[in-house]
Amino acid sequence: MGNRKKNKKPRGRGGAGQNRAAGEAYLAKQRQKPDVIETASGLQYSIREEGTGKSPDEWSTVEVNQRILLVDGTVLKDTYHGVEKDRFPLEEAIDGLKEGLPLMKEGGKTRFIIPPDLAWGKRGAGLKIGPFATLIFDIRLEKVI
């Protein structure tokens, strides 16, 4: 009979139509929640904990703990359980984070739901983020540098 594992397709990035439909459904569902705010660009966010420190601007570098998920719950990255935090210049972030992180203050935690047009759009990214994927970022802004 042969090796069945050889014929199994690995869980991939999903197709453009499938990702778009799942993302639109998720965004519509979140839009109904009273604590979710939606900006003119389509970025959705909910503040989990208010921060008290400074807010980043477009030229800041930020240090964050973050959990990045697809709308189906697949975890793409999680720094909360490790020792290393993520550090990056805001100017190099995807558009959804460029818009969202300046809304935060150090010490705050926010959930961002980023539609494809503010993420990686039709090209996707790497092997895990497919075309037109909506992303969920649970971010604690640890430090503005």
Protein backbone atom coordinates (compact mmCIF):
# COMPACT_ATOMS: atom_id res chain seq x y z
CA MET A 1 0.00 0.00 0.00
CA GLY A 2 2.90 2.42 0.43
CA ASN A 3 3.49 5.16 2.89
CA ARG A 4 0.35 7.22 3.39
CA LYS A 5 2.23 10.02 5.12
CA LYS A 6 4.02 10.76 1.89
CA ASN A 7 0.72 11.71 0.25
CA LYS A 8 -0.56 13.88 3.10
CA LYS A 9 -0.40 17.57 2.36
CA PRO A 10 1.20 19.58 5.14
CA ARG A 11 -0.98 22.22 6.73
CA GLY A 12 -0.21 25.23 4.60
CA ARG A 13 -0.92 28.86 4.14
CA GLY A 14 -4.44 28.36 2.80
CA GLY A 15 -5.81 29.61 -0.48
CA ALA A 16 -6.56 33.25 -1.21
CA GLY A 17 -10.33 32.76 -1.39
CA GLN A 18 -10.47 30.61 1.73
CA ASN A 19 -8.30 33.05 3.71
CA ARG A 20 -10.27 36.08 2.56
CA ALA A 21 -13.63 34.50 3.45
CA ALA A 22 -12.42 33.33 6.88
CA GLY A 23 -10.91 36.74 7.61
CA GLU A 24 -14.00 38.67 6.56
CA ALA A 25 -16.21 36.44 8.71
CA TYR A 26 -13.90 36.88 11.71
CA LEU A 27 -13.75 40.67 11.27
CA ALA A 28 -17.55 40.86 11.01
CA LYS A 29 -17.95 38.81 14.20
CA GLN A 30 -15.44 40.95 16.11
CA ARG A 31 -17.12 44.14 14.88
CA GLN A 32 -20.20 43.15 16.93
CA LYS A 33 -18.31 43.06 20.22
CA PRO A 34 -18.74 46.17 22.39
CA ASP A 35 -15.05 46.43 23.36
CA VAL A 36 -13.74 46.29 19.76
CA ILE A 37 -12.86 49.60 18.11
CA GLU A 38 -12.49 49.81 14.33
CA THR A 39 -10.47 52.53 12.64
CA ALA A 40 -11.20 54.04 9.22
CA SER A 41 -8.56 51.76 7.66
CA GLY A 42 -10.27 48.61 8.97
CA LEU A 43 -7.86 47.89 11.84
CA GLN A 44 -9.75 46.48 14.80
CA TYR A 45 -8.46 46.55 18.35
CA SER A 46 -9.48 46.04 21.94
CA ILE A 47 -7.54 47.33 24.88
CA ARG A 48 -6.85 44.56 27.39
CA GLU A 49 -4.80 46.63 29.82
CA GLU A 50 -4.12 50.37 29.74
CA GLY A 51 -0.47 51.36 29.80
CA THR A 52 0.98 54.29 31.69
CA GLY A 53 4.27 54.91 29.88
CA LYS A 54 5.06 56.69 26.66
CA SER A 55 3.61 55.91 23.23
CA PRO A 56 5.78 55.13 20.20
CA ASP A 57 5.83 57.28 17.10
CA GLU A 58 6.71 56.32 13.54
CA TRP A 59 10.46 56.60 14.25
CA SER A 60 10.47 54.62 17.49
CA THR A 61 11.86 51.18 18.07
CA VAL A 62 9.62 49.05 20.26
CA GLU A 63 10.16 46.06 22.50
CA VAL A 64 7.10 43.85 22.78
CA ASN A 65 5.81 40.52 23.91
CA GLN A 66 3.45 39.23 21.28
CA ARG A 67 1.34 36.30 20.26
CA ILE A 68 0.53 36.22 16.56
CA LEU A 69 -2.35 34.02 15.37
CA LEU A 70 -4.35 33.23 12.29
CA VAL A 71 -8.13 33.50 12.61
CA ASP A 72 -8.37 29.69 12.88
CA GLY A 73 -6.33 29.86 16.11
CA THR A 74 -3.01 28.71 14.63
CA VAL A 75 -0.22 30.32 16.66
CA LEU A 76 2.47 31.74 14.39
CA LYS A 77 4.67 33.19 17.12
CA ASP A 78 4.52 33.57 20.89
CA THR A 79 7.16 35.41 22.92
CA TYR A 80 5.18 35.45 26.18
CA HIS A 81 6.61 32.14 27.38
CA GLY A 82 10.20 32.76 26.36
CA VAL A 83 12.94 34.97 27.70
CA GLU A 84 13.37 37.03 24.55
CA LYS A 85 11.07 39.86 23.60
CA ASP A 86 10.69 41.08 20.04
CA ARG A 87 12.36 44.38 19.19
CA PHE A 88 11.81 46.20 15.90
CA PRO A 89 11.69 49.70 14.41
CA LEU A 90 8.10 50.74 13.85
CA GLU A 91 8.94 51.92 10.33
CA GLU A 92 9.67 48.26 9.39
CA ALA A 93 6.40 46.88 10.80
CA ILE A 94 3.34 45.94 8.76
CA ASP A 95 0.85 48.78 8.26
CA GLY A 96 -1.57 47.50 10.89
CA LEU A 97 1.10 47.71 13.59
CA LYS A 98 2.34 51.07 12.31
CA GLU A 99 -1.18 52.35 12.90
CA GLY A 100 -1.95 50.41 16.08
CA LEU A 101 1.16 50.57 18.24
CA PRO A 102 1.13 54.40 18.54
CA LEU A 103 -2.34 54.01 20.13
CA MET A 104 -0.69 52.14 23.02
CA LYS A 105 1.36 53.22 26.01
CA GLU A 106 4.22 51.31 27.61
CA GLY A 107 2.92 48.59 29.89
CA GLY A 108 -0.34 48.27 27.97
CA LYS A 109 -1.73 45.17 26.31
CA THR A 110 -3.91 45.31 23.21
CA ARG A 111 -5.38 42.81 20.78
CA PHE A 112 -5.11 43.94 17.16
CA ILE A 113 -7.07 42.24 14.40
CA ILE A 114 -5.30 43.17 11.21
CA PRO A 115 -7.07 42.72 7.88
CA PRO A 116 -5.00 41.55 4.89
CA ASP A 117 -4.68 45.03 3.36
CA LEU A 118 -2.83 46.16 6.51
CA ALA A 119 -0.78 42.95 6.79
CA TRP A 120 0.88 41.00 3.96
CA GLY A 121 -2.02 41.26 1.48
CA LYS A 122 -2.15 39.03 -1.54
CA ARG A 123 1.46 37.84 -1.30
CA GLY A 124 1.34 36.39 2.21
CA ALA A 125 4.60 35.78 4.08
CA GLY A 126 6.72 32.69 4.46
CA LEU A 127 5.20 29.24 4.69
CA LYS A 128 2.58 30.03 7.33
CA ILE A 129 0.87 33.29 6.31
CA GLY A 130 -1.15 32.76 3.17
CA PRO A 131 -2.48 35.29 0.70
CA PHE A 132 -5.18 37.58 2.13
CA ALA A 133 -4.69 36.28 5.68
CA THR A 134 -6.21 38.26 8.57
CA LEU A 135 -3.89 38.27 11.57
CA ILE A 136 -4.44 38.60 15.31
CA PHE A 137 -1.73 40.20 17.45
CA ASP A 138 -1.92 40.10 21.24
CA ILE A 139 0.74 42.66 22.13
CA ARG A 140 2.16 43.98 25.38
CA LEU A 141 4.19 47.11 24.72
CA GLU A 142 7.11 46.62 27.07
CA LYS A 143 9.33 49.52 26.05
CA VAL A 144 9.62 52.40 23.59
CA ILE A 145 13.23 53.00 22.61
